[in-house]
């Protein structure tokens, strides 16, 4: 198959829509949308998110060293988008959206009460990458709404209903459902 070069871009499919929760210097809850992030370690369980130095969340992360990541469902795409287009320096994003800030149990950081999945994280290290700083946080706990758990006690992605961000088209996309069982579908190709 012929491929066409489109040059170096911030392209990766899918980009998660991660809502980073922190407290500002006055102790006010703040959240920001970030698509540059993902799991980066199994032991300890850790997640990395990249934030530009110009963001209020950057200052909050440096000062507080604890944060949450809330994963919104498709029901909250409008609010999640809003979290990425206004600044916490001059806007109370929780008041503007009517969503509920909830203080983490293990970290001094807020999460979005209405979002079905939450990671509570403590900063392990930072890495400077161009105009971003990558914040690597140890996941101390994952909280999941009971309504999105399967009978086996694990989150059901079909009930969580997260969405992804397409950085090329600047659009959000939902997921259509499972395609195959991981670590199993490829076994028929083993010789």
N, C-alpha and C. Protein backbone atom coordinates (compact mmCIF):
# COMPACT_ATOMS: atom_id res chain seq x y z
N UNK A 1 0.82 -1.18 0.00
CA UNK A 1 0.00 0.00 0.00
C UNK A 1 0.87 1.25 0.00
N UNK A 2 0.49 2.22 -0.76
CA UNK A 2 1.24 3.47 -0.86
C UNK A 2 0.83 4.39 0.29
N UNK A 3 1.84 4.96 0.92
CA UNK A 3 1.59 5.92 2.00
C UNK A 3 2.06 7.29 1.56
N UNK A 4 1.34 8.33 1.99
CA UNK A 4 1.72 9.71 1.69
C UNK A 4 2.24 10.35 2.96
N UNK A 5 3.38 10.99 2.89
CA UNK A 5 3.94 11.69 4.03
C UNK A 5 3.13 12.96 4.28
N UNK A 6 2.78 13.19 5.54
CA UNK A 6 2.11 14.45 5.91
C UNK A 6 2.97 15.24 6.90
N UNK A 7 4.21 14.80 7.11
CA UNK A 7 5.14 15.52 7.96
C UNK A 7 4.96 15.19 9.43
N UNK A 8 5.85 15.74 10.26
CA UNK A 8 5.77 15.47 11.70
C UNK A 8 4.54 16.17 12.30
N UNK A 9 3.71 15.41 12.96
CA UNK A 9 2.47 15.93 13.56
C UNK A 9 2.25 15.29 14.92
N UNK A 10 1.37 15.89 15.69
CA UNK A 10 0.96 15.30 16.97
C UNK A 10 -0.17 14.32 16.70
N UNK A 11 0.15 13.27 16.00
CA UNK A 11 -0.85 12.30 15.57
C UNK A 11 -0.60 10.96 16.24
N UNK A 12 -1.61 10.46 16.89
CA UNK A 12 -1.62 9.13 17.48
C UNK A 12 -3.08 8.78 17.68
N UNK A 13 -3.46 7.59 17.31
CA UNK A 13 -4.86 7.21 17.48
C UNK A 13 -4.98 6.12 18.53
N UNK A 14 -5.90 6.21 19.45
CA UNK A 14 -6.66 7.42 19.78
C UNK A 14 -5.95 8.24 20.84
N UNK A 15 -6.24 9.51 20.93
CA UNK A 15 -5.82 10.36 22.04
C UNK A 15 -6.90 10.24 23.10
N UNK A 16 -6.55 9.93 24.33
CA UNK A 16 -7.59 9.91 25.37
C UNK A 16 -8.01 11.33 25.72
N UNK A 17 -9.17 11.49 26.28
CA UNK A 17 -9.56 12.78 26.83
C UNK A 17 -9.46 12.66 28.34
N UNK A 18 -8.38 13.22 28.89
CA UNK A 18 -8.08 13.12 30.31
C UNK A 18 -8.33 14.47 30.97
N UNK A 19 -9.05 14.46 32.06
CA UNK A 19 -9.33 15.69 32.79
C UNK A 19 -8.46 15.70 34.05
N UNK A 20 -7.47 16.60 34.06
CA UNK A 20 -6.52 16.68 35.16
C UNK A 20 -7.09 17.60 36.23
N UNK A 21 -7.17 17.11 37.46
CA UNK A 21 -7.68 17.89 38.58
C UNK A 21 -6.58 18.28 39.54
N UNK A 22 -6.54 19.57 39.89
CA UNK A 22 -5.56 20.10 40.85
C UNK A 22 -6.24 21.20 41.66
N UNK A 23 -5.57 21.62 42.72
CA UNK A 23 -5.98 22.82 43.45
C UNK A 23 -5.03 23.94 43.09
N UNK A 24 -5.57 25.16 42.91
CA UNK A 24 -4.72 26.31 42.61
C UNK A 24 -4.10 26.83 43.91
N UNK A 25 -3.26 27.88 43.85
CA UNK A 25 -2.59 28.38 45.05
C UNK A 25 -3.54 28.79 46.18
N UNK A 26 -4.75 29.23 45.82
CA UNK A 26 -5.72 29.63 46.84
C UNK A 26 -6.56 28.45 47.33
N UNK A 27 -6.30 27.24 46.82
CA UNK A 27 -7.06 26.07 47.23
C UNK A 27 -8.34 25.85 46.46
N UNK A 28 -8.53 26.61 45.36
CA UNK A 28 -9.72 26.46 44.53
C UNK A 28 -9.54 25.28 43.58
N UNK A 29 -10.55 24.41 43.45
CA UNK A 29 -10.43 23.28 42.53
C UNK A 29 -10.38 23.75 41.08
N UNK A 30 -9.50 23.11 40.31
CA UNK A 30 -9.33 23.45 38.91
C UNK A 30 -9.19 22.15 38.12
N UNK A 31 -9.63 22.18 36.88
CA UNK A 31 -9.50 21.04 35.98
C UNK A 31 -9.08 21.53 34.60
N UNK A 32 -8.40 20.66 33.87
CA UNK A 32 -7.99 20.98 32.51
C UNK A 32 -8.08 19.71 31.67
N UNK A 33 -8.45 19.87 30.41
CA UNK A 33 -8.48 18.74 29.48
C UNK A 33 -7.10 18.56 28.87
N UNK A 34 -6.66 17.31 28.81
CA UNK A 34 -5.37 16.98 28.20
C UNK A 34 -5.53 15.73 27.35
N UNK A 35 -5.02 15.79 26.14
CA UNK A 35 -5.06 14.61 25.27
C UNK A 35 -3.69 13.97 25.15
N UNK A 36 -2.64 14.65 25.60
CA UNK A 36 -1.30 14.09 25.50
C UNK A 36 -1.04 13.33 26.79
N UNK A 37 -1.43 12.07 26.83
CA UNK A 37 -1.21 11.28 28.03
C UNK A 37 -1.55 9.82 27.86
N UNK A 38 -1.15 9.04 28.85
CA UNK A 38 -1.46 7.62 28.86
C UNK A 38 -0.67 6.88 29.91
N UNK A 39 -0.96 5.60 30.05
CA UNK A 39 -0.25 4.74 31.00
C UNK A 39 1.21 4.65 30.56
N UNK A 40 2.14 4.73 31.53
CA UNK A 40 3.56 4.67 31.18
C UNK A 40 4.34 3.65 31.99
N UNK A 41 3.70 2.99 32.98
CA UNK A 41 4.38 1.97 33.77
C UNK A 41 3.35 1.03 34.38
N UNK A 42 3.75 -0.25 34.47
CA UNK A 42 2.91 -1.24 35.13
C UNK A 42 3.23 -1.35 36.61
N UNK A 43 4.55 -1.29 36.94
CA UNK A 43 4.99 -1.37 38.33
C UNK A 43 6.01 -0.29 38.58
N UNK A 44 5.72 0.74 39.31
CA UNK A 44 4.41 0.99 39.89
C UNK A 44 3.42 1.42 38.81
N UNK A 45 2.14 1.24 39.06
CA UNK A 45 1.18 1.74 38.07
C UNK A 45 1.34 3.26 37.96
N UNK A 46 1.55 3.73 36.73
CA UNK A 46 1.81 5.16 36.55
C UNK A 46 1.22 5.65 35.24
N UNK A 47 0.90 6.93 35.24
CA UNK A 47 0.34 7.60 34.07
C UNK A 47 1.15 8.86 33.81
N UNK A 48 1.28 9.22 32.54
CA UNK A 48 2.00 10.43 32.16
C UNK A 48 1.04 11.37 31.44
N UNK A 49 1.09 12.65 31.78
CA UNK A 49 0.32 13.67 31.09
C UNK A 49 1.26 14.84 30.78
N UNK A 50 1.10 15.41 29.60
CA UNK A 50 1.95 16.53 29.20
C UNK A 50 1.16 17.83 29.25
N UNK A 51 1.76 18.83 29.88
CA UNK A 51 1.10 20.12 30.09
C UNK A 51 2.07 21.23 29.72
N UNK A 52 1.57 22.24 29.02
CA UNK A 52 2.41 23.39 28.68
C UNK A 52 2.63 24.26 29.91
N UNK A 53 3.79 24.89 29.97
CA UNK A 53 4.14 25.73 31.12
C UNK A 53 3.23 26.94 31.27
N UNK A 54 2.54 27.33 30.22
CA UNK A 54 1.66 28.50 30.28
C UNK A 54 0.34 28.21 31.00
N UNK A 55 0.05 26.97 31.29
CA UNK A 55 -1.24 26.60 31.87
C UNK A 55 -1.24 26.74 33.39
N UNK A 56 -2.39 27.11 33.93
CA UNK A 56 -2.56 27.17 35.38
C UNK A 56 -2.30 25.79 36.00
N UNK A 57 -2.72 24.75 35.31
CA UNK A 57 -2.52 23.39 35.82
C UNK A 57 -1.04 23.07 35.98
N UNK A 58 -0.19 23.58 35.10
CA UNK A 58 1.26 23.39 35.24
C UNK A 58 1.72 23.93 36.60
N UNK A 59 1.34 25.16 36.89
CA UNK A 59 1.74 25.77 38.16
C UNK A 59 1.20 24.98 39.34
N UNK A 60 -0.04 24.52 39.24
CA UNK A 60 -0.66 23.75 40.31
C UNK A 60 0.08 22.42 40.53
N UNK A 61 0.43 21.75 39.43
CA UNK A 61 1.13 20.47 39.54
C UNK A 61 2.51 20.63 40.17
N UNK A 62 3.23 21.67 39.77
CA UNK A 62 4.55 21.92 40.33
C UNK A 62 4.44 22.20 41.83
N UNK A 63 3.46 22.99 42.23
CA UNK A 63 3.31 23.38 43.64
C UNK A 63 2.75 22.25 44.51
N UNK A 64 1.75 21.54 44.01
CA UNK A 64 1.02 20.56 44.84
C UNK A 64 1.56 19.14 44.74
N UNK A 65 2.09 18.77 43.56
CA UNK A 65 2.68 17.45 43.32
C UNK A 65 1.71 16.28 43.47
N UNK A 66 0.42 16.58 43.43
CA UNK A 66 -0.62 15.56 43.45
C UNK A 66 -1.71 16.00 42.47
N UNK A 67 -2.37 15.01 41.86
CA UNK A 67 -3.41 15.33 40.89
C UNK A 67 -4.33 14.14 40.71
N UNK A 68 -5.43 14.40 40.06
CA UNK A 68 -6.34 13.33 39.67
C UNK A 68 -6.50 13.36 38.17
N UNK A 69 -6.95 12.26 37.63
CA UNK A 69 -7.37 12.21 36.24
C UNK A 69 -8.78 11.64 36.24
N UNK A 70 -9.72 12.44 35.77
CA UNK A 70 -11.10 11.99 35.63
C UNK A 70 -11.34 11.65 34.16
N UNK A 71 -12.01 10.54 33.92
CA UNK A 71 -12.32 10.12 32.56
C UNK A 71 -13.81 10.35 32.31
N UNK A 72 -14.14 11.30 31.45
CA UNK A 72 -15.55 11.61 31.20
C UNK A 72 -16.21 10.60 30.27
N UNK A 73 -17.52 10.47 30.41
CA UNK A 73 -18.30 9.69 29.45
C UNK A 73 -18.75 10.63 28.33
N UNK A 74 -19.28 10.04 27.26
CA UNK A 74 -19.75 10.84 26.13
C UNK A 74 -20.85 11.82 26.54
N UNK A 75 -21.51 11.55 27.66
CA UNK A 75 -22.55 12.46 28.14
C UNK A 75 -21.99 13.84 28.51
N UNK A 76 -20.67 13.90 28.73
CA UNK A 76 -20.05 15.14 29.20
C UNK A 76 -19.01 15.69 28.23
N UNK A 77 -19.17 15.41 26.94
CA UNK A 77 -18.19 15.90 25.96
C UNK A 77 -18.16 17.43 25.93
N UNK A 78 -19.28 18.07 26.08
CA UNK A 78 -19.34 19.54 26.06
C UNK A 78 -18.56 20.13 27.23
N UNK A 79 -18.77 19.58 28.43
CA UNK A 79 -18.08 20.08 29.61
C UNK A 79 -16.57 19.80 29.53
N UNK A 80 -16.22 18.60 29.07
CA UNK A 80 -14.81 18.25 28.95
C UNK A 80 -14.11 19.18 27.95
N UNK A 81 -14.77 19.50 26.86
CA UNK A 81 -14.20 20.42 25.88
C UNK A 81 -14.02 21.81 26.51
N UNK A 82 -15.01 22.25 27.26
CA UNK A 82 -14.94 23.54 27.94
C UNK A 82 -13.72 23.61 28.87
N UNK A 83 -13.42 22.50 29.55
CA UNK A 83 -12.27 22.46 30.46
C UNK A 83 -10.96 22.73 29.73
N UNK A 84 -10.94 22.50 28.42
CA UNK A 84 -9.73 22.71 27.65
C UNK A 84 -9.66 24.04 26.94
N UNK A 85 -10.76 24.81 26.96
CA UNK A 85 -10.73 26.07 26.20
C UNK A 85 -10.81 27.33 27.06
N UNK A 86 -10.95 27.17 28.38
CA UNK A 86 -10.92 28.33 29.28
C UNK A 86 -9.82 28.10 30.31
N UNK A 87 -9.33 29.18 30.89
CA UNK A 87 -8.25 29.11 31.87
C UNK A 87 -8.80 29.13 33.29
N UNK A 88 -8.18 28.32 34.14
CA UNK A 88 -8.52 28.32 35.55
C UNK A 88 -8.02 29.55 36.27
N UNK A 89 -7.20 30.34 35.61
CA UNK A 89 -6.73 31.58 36.23
C UNK A 89 -7.87 32.57 36.46
N UNK A 90 -8.83 32.58 35.53
CA UNK A 90 -9.90 33.57 35.64
C UNK A 90 -11.30 32.96 35.56
N UNK A 91 -11.41 31.64 35.59
CA UNK A 91 -12.71 30.99 35.47
C UNK A 91 -12.83 29.84 36.46
N UNK A 92 -13.93 29.81 37.19
CA UNK A 92 -14.25 28.66 38.03
C UNK A 92 -14.98 27.67 37.14
N UNK A 93 -14.25 26.70 36.64
CA UNK A 93 -14.80 25.76 35.65
C UNK A 93 -15.91 24.88 36.23
N UNK A 94 -15.80 24.56 37.51
CA UNK A 94 -16.86 23.76 38.13
C UNK A 94 -18.16 24.56 38.23
N UNK A 95 -18.06 25.82 38.65
CA UNK A 95 -19.26 26.66 38.74
C UNK A 95 -19.88 26.87 37.36
N UNK A 96 -19.04 27.07 36.35
CA UNK A 96 -19.54 27.33 35.00
C UNK A 96 -20.26 26.13 34.40
N UNK A 97 -19.81 24.93 34.73
CA UNK A 97 -20.41 23.72 34.14
C UNK A 97 -21.45 23.06 35.03
N UNK A 98 -21.49 23.45 36.28
CA UNK A 98 -22.43 22.83 37.22
C UNK A 98 -21.98 21.45 37.69
N UNK A 99 -20.73 21.07 37.38
CA UNK A 99 -20.22 19.78 37.83
C UNK A 99 -19.64 19.90 39.23
N UNK A 100 -19.44 18.74 39.87
CA UNK A 100 -19.10 18.70 41.28
C UNK A 100 -17.63 18.38 41.53
N UNK A 101 -16.89 19.29 42.20
CA UNK A 101 -15.53 18.94 42.59
C UNK A 101 -15.57 18.08 43.86
N UNK A 102 -14.84 16.97 43.84
CA UNK A 102 -14.78 16.07 44.99
C UNK A 102 -13.31 15.92 45.37
N UNK A 103 -12.98 16.15 46.64
CA UNK A 103 -11.60 16.00 47.09
C UNK A 103 -11.21 14.53 47.08
N UNK A 104 -10.04 14.25 46.52
CA UNK A 104 -9.54 12.88 46.51
C UNK A 104 -9.37 12.34 47.92
N UNK A 105 -9.46 11.04 48.05
CA UNK A 105 -9.26 10.39 49.35
C UNK A 105 -7.79 10.26 49.71
N UNK A 106 -6.95 10.03 48.71
CA UNK A 106 -5.53 9.76 48.94
C UNK A 106 -4.62 10.89 48.52
N UNK A 107 -5.13 11.83 47.74
CA UNK A 107 -4.32 12.97 47.29
C UNK A 107 -5.08 14.27 47.53
N UNK A 108 -4.32 15.33 47.65
CA UNK A 108 -4.91 16.66 47.84
C UNK A 108 -5.17 17.28 46.47
N UNK A 109 -6.17 16.72 45.81
CA UNK A 109 -6.55 17.18 44.47
C UNK A 109 -8.01 16.81 44.24
N UNK A 110 -8.72 17.62 43.45
CA UNK A 110 -10.13 17.34 43.19
C UNK A 110 -10.32 16.47 41.95
N UNK A 111 -11.45 15.77 41.92
CA UNK A 111 -11.86 15.08 40.70
C UNK A 111 -13.29 15.49 40.38
N UNK A 112 -13.74 15.13 39.20
CA UNK A 112 -15.09 15.48 38.76
C UNK A 112 -16.03 14.37 39.21
N UNK A 113 -16.93 14.68 40.12
CA UNK A 113 -17.82 13.68 40.71
C UNK A 113 -18.68 12.95 39.71
N UNK A 114 -19.09 13.61 38.65
CA UNK A 114 -20.00 13.01 37.67
C UNK A 114 -19.30 12.08 36.67
N UNK A 115 -17.98 12.14 36.59
CA UNK A 115 -17.26 11.32 35.61
C UNK A 115 -17.03 9.92 36.20
N UNK A 116 -17.21 8.86 35.40
CA UNK A 116 -17.28 7.51 35.94
C UNK A 116 -15.97 6.88 36.42
N UNK A 117 -14.82 7.36 35.96
CA UNK A 117 -13.55 6.76 36.35
C UNK A 117 -12.59 7.85 36.79
N UNK A 118 -11.90 7.60 37.91
CA UNK A 118 -10.97 8.59 38.47
C UNK A 118 -9.69 7.89 38.91
N UNK A 119 -8.55 8.49 38.57
CA UNK A 119 -7.25 8.02 39.04
C UNK A 119 -6.71 9.06 40.00
N UNK A 120 -6.27 8.62 41.18
CA UNK A 120 -5.62 9.51 42.14
C UNK A 120 -4.12 9.28 42.03
N UNK A 121 -3.36 10.38 41.79
CA UNK A 121 -1.94 10.26 41.45
C UNK A 121 -1.06 11.17 42.28
N UNK A 122 0.13 10.66 42.58
CA UNK A 122 1.17 11.46 43.24
C UNK A 122 2.34 11.57 42.26
N UNK A 123 2.85 12.77 42.09
CA UNK A 123 3.90 13.04 41.12
C UNK A 123 5.18 12.26 41.46
N UNK A 124 5.68 11.50 40.48
CA UNK A 124 6.94 10.77 40.62
C UNK A 124 8.09 11.56 40.03
N UNK A 125 7.87 12.12 38.82
CA UNK A 125 8.92 12.88 38.17
C UNK A 125 8.35 13.70 37.03
N UNK A 126 9.17 14.62 36.56
CA UNK A 126 8.80 15.43 35.40
C UNK A 126 9.89 15.28 34.35
N UNK A 127 9.48 15.42 33.09
CA UNK A 127 10.41 15.35 31.97
C UNK A 127 10.07 16.51 31.04
N UNK A 128 11.07 17.31 30.71
CA UNK A 128 10.88 18.43 29.80
C UNK A 128 10.94 17.92 28.36
N UNK A 129 9.89 18.19 27.59
CA UNK A 129 9.83 17.77 26.19
C UNK A 129 9.30 18.95 25.38
N UNK A 130 10.20 19.70 24.74
CA UNK A 130 9.78 20.84 23.94
C UNK A 130 9.00 21.84 24.76
N UNK A 131 7.82 22.23 24.28
CA UNK A 131 6.99 23.22 24.98
C UNK A 131 6.15 22.60 26.09
N UNK A 132 6.26 21.30 26.27
CA UNK A 132 5.49 20.60 27.31
C UNK A 132 6.40 20.08 28.42
N UNK A 133 5.80 19.90 29.58
CA UNK A 133 6.42 19.14 30.66
C UNK A 133 5.56 17.91 30.85
N UNK A 134 6.20 16.76 30.83
CA UNK A 134 5.47 15.52 31.06
C UNK A 134 5.51 15.23 32.56
N UNK A 135 4.32 15.13 33.14
CA UNK A 135 4.18 14.83 34.56
C UNK A 135 3.85 13.35 34.69
N UNK A 136 4.72 12.62 35.37
CA UNK A 136 4.52 11.19 35.56
C UNK A 136 4.06 10.98 36.99
N UNK A 137 2.88 10.42 37.12
CA UNK A 137 2.30 10.23 38.44
C UNK A 137 2.04 8.78 38.74
N UNK A 138 2.38 8.37 39.95
CA UNK A 138 2.04 7.02 40.41
C UNK A 138 0.55 6.99 40.70
N UNK A 139 -0.12 5.99 40.18
CA UNK A 139 -1.56 5.83 40.41
C UNK A 139 -1.72 5.15 41.77
N UNK A 140 -2.22 5.92 42.75
CA UNK A 140 -2.40 5.39 44.10
C UNK A 140 -3.73 4.66 44.25
N UNK A 141 -4.72 5.07 43.45
CA UNK A 141 -6.03 4.43 43.52
C UNK A 141 -6.81 4.75 42.25
N UNK A 142 -7.68 3.84 41.88
CA UNK A 142 -8.63 4.06 40.80
C UNK A 142 -10.01 3.91 41.40
N UNK A 143 -10.85 4.91 41.18
CA UNK A 143 -12.23 4.89 41.67
C UNK A 143 -13.16 4.77 40.47
N UNK A 144 -14.15 3.89 40.58
CA UNK A 144 -15.05 3.62 39.47
C UNK A 144 -16.48 3.63 39.98
N UNK A 145 -17.36 4.38 39.31
CA UNK A 145 -18.78 4.36 39.67
C UNK A 145 -19.30 2.93 39.58
N UNK A 146 -20.04 2.53 40.58
CA UNK A 146 -20.60 1.18 40.58
C UNK A 146 -21.47 0.91 39.36
N UNK A 147 -22.09 1.96 38.83
CA UNK A 147 -22.99 1.79 37.68
C UNK A 147 -22.27 1.35 36.41
N UNK A 148 -20.93 1.48 36.37
CA UNK A 148 -20.20 1.08 35.16
C UNK A 148 -19.36 -0.17 35.37
N UNK A 149 -19.57 -0.85 36.51
CA UNK A 149 -18.86 -2.09 36.78
C UNK A 149 -19.63 -3.28 36.22
N UNK A 150 -18.90 -4.26 35.72
CA UNK A 150 -19.50 -5.52 35.28
C UNK A 150 -19.69 -6.42 36.48
N UNK A 151 -20.30 -7.56 36.26
CA UNK A 151 -20.53 -8.51 37.35
C UNK A 151 -19.22 -9.00 37.96
N UNK A 152 -18.13 -8.98 37.17
CA UNK A 152 -16.84 -9.43 37.69
C UNK A 152 -16.11 -8.34 38.48
N UNK A 153 -16.75 -7.17 38.66
CA UNK A 153 -16.17 -6.08 39.43
C UNK A 153 -15.21 -5.20 38.67
N UNK A 154 -15.03 -5.46 37.38
CA UNK A 154 -14.15 -4.64 36.55
C UNK A 154 -14.96 -3.60 35.79
N UNK A 155 -14.34 -2.44 35.49
CA UNK A 155 -15.05 -1.45 34.68
C UNK A 155 -15.41 -2.03 33.31
N UNK A 156 -16.58 -1.70 32.83
CA UNK A 156 -17.06 -2.11 31.51
C UNK A 156 -16.97 -0.88 30.61
N UNK A 157 -16.06 -0.91 29.64
CA UNK A 157 -15.84 0.26 28.77
C UNK A 157 -17.13 0.66 28.04
N UNK A 158 -17.99 -0.33 27.77
CA UNK A 158 -19.28 -0.03 27.14
C UNK A 158 -20.20 0.78 28.03
N UNK A 159 -20.03 0.62 29.34
CA UNK A 159 -20.82 1.41 30.30
C UNK A 159 -20.12 2.73 30.65
N UNK A 160 -18.78 2.71 30.68
CA UNK A 160 -18.02 3.95 30.94
C UNK A 160 -18.26 4.93 29.80
N UNK A 161 -18.24 4.45 28.57
CA UNK A 161 -18.48 5.23 27.37
C UNK A 161 -17.53 6.43 27.25
N UNK A 162 -16.20 6.16 27.32
CA UNK A 162 -15.25 7.26 27.14
C UNK A 162 -15.22 7.69 25.68
N UNK A 163 -14.51 8.75 25.41
CA UNK A 163 -14.35 9.18 24.03
C UNK A 163 -12.90 9.57 23.79
N UNK A 164 -12.56 9.69 22.52
CA UNK A 164 -11.19 10.01 22.13
C UNK A 164 -11.18 11.31 21.33
N UNK A 165 -10.00 11.90 21.28
CA UNK A 165 -9.80 13.15 20.56
C UNK A 165 -8.96 12.88 19.31
N UNK A 166 -9.38 13.41 18.18
CA UNK A 166 -8.63 13.34 16.93
C UNK A 166 -7.95 14.69 16.74
N UNK A 167 -6.63 14.73 16.97
CA UNK A 167 -5.90 15.99 16.91
C UNK A 167 -5.80 16.55 15.49
N UNK A 168 -5.88 15.71 14.50
CA UNK A 168 -5.81 16.19 13.11
C UNK A 168 -7.09 16.91 12.71
N UNK A 169 -8.22 16.36 13.05
CA UNK A 169 -9.51 16.94 12.67
C UNK A 169 -10.12 17.80 13.78
N UNK A 170 -9.52 17.74 14.96
CA UNK A 170 -10.02 18.45 16.13
C UNK A 170 -11.50 18.09 16.38
N UNK A 171 -11.72 16.78 16.52
CA UNK A 171 -13.06 16.24 16.77
C UNK A 171 -12.96 15.15 17.83
N UNK A 172 -14.09 14.89 18.48
CA UNK A 172 -14.18 13.81 19.47
C UNK A 172 -14.92 12.63 18.86
N UNK A 173 -14.49 11.42 19.25
CA UNK A 173 -15.11 10.20 18.73
C UNK A 173 -15.43 9.24 19.87
N UNK A 174 -16.55 8.55 19.75
CA UNK A 174 -16.90 7.49 20.68
C UNK A 174 -16.38 6.16 20.15
N UNK A 175 -16.62 5.10 20.92
CA UNK A 175 -16.18 3.77 20.54
C UNK A 175 -17.39 2.91 20.20
N UNK A 176 -17.22 2.00 19.23
CA UNK A 176 -18.36 1.21 18.76
C UNK A 176 -18.51 -0.13 19.46
N UNK A 177 -17.52 -0.58 20.18
CA UNK A 177 -17.63 -1.85 20.88
C UNK A 177 -16.43 -2.74 20.64
N UNK A 178 -16.40 -3.89 21.30
CA UNK A 178 -15.22 -4.77 21.19
C UNK A 178 -15.07 -5.36 19.80
N UNK A 179 -13.81 -5.56 19.40
CA UNK A 179 -13.50 -6.16 18.10
C UNK A 179 -12.98 -7.60 18.25
N UNK A 180 -12.17 -7.82 19.28
CA UNK A 180 -11.58 -9.14 19.49
C UNK A 180 -11.01 -9.20 20.90
N UNK A 181 -10.74 -10.39 21.38
CA UNK A 181 -10.15 -10.59 22.70
C UNK A 181 -8.64 -10.41 22.61
N UNK A 182 -8.09 -9.50 23.42
CA UNK A 182 -6.65 -9.25 23.43
C UNK A 182 -5.87 -10.47 23.91
N UNK A 183 -4.69 -10.65 23.39
CA UNK A 183 -3.80 -11.76 23.72
C UNK A 183 -4.42 -13.11 23.35
N UNK A 184 -5.40 -13.08 22.48
CA UNK A 184 -6.06 -14.29 22.03
C UNK A 184 -6.27 -14.26 20.52
N UNK A 185 -6.73 -13.14 19.99
CA UNK A 185 -7.06 -13.03 18.57
C UNK A 185 -5.88 -13.37 17.67
N UNK A 186 -4.68 -13.05 18.08
CA UNK A 186 -3.51 -13.31 17.26
C UNK A 186 -2.93 -14.71 17.38
N UNK A 187 -3.45 -15.50 18.31
CA UNK A 187 -2.89 -16.83 18.53
C UNK A 187 -2.99 -17.72 17.31
N UNK A 188 -4.01 -17.54 16.48
CA UNK A 188 -4.16 -18.39 15.30
C UNK A 188 -3.03 -18.17 14.29
N UNK A 189 -2.31 -17.05 14.42
CA UNK A 189 -1.20 -16.75 13.52
C UNK A 189 0.12 -17.35 14.02
N UNK A 190 0.14 -17.80 15.29
CA UNK A 190 1.36 -18.41 15.84
C UNK A 190 1.60 -19.74 15.16
N UNK A 191 2.83 -20.02 14.88
CA UNK A 191 3.19 -21.30 14.24
C UNK A 191 4.02 -22.15 15.14
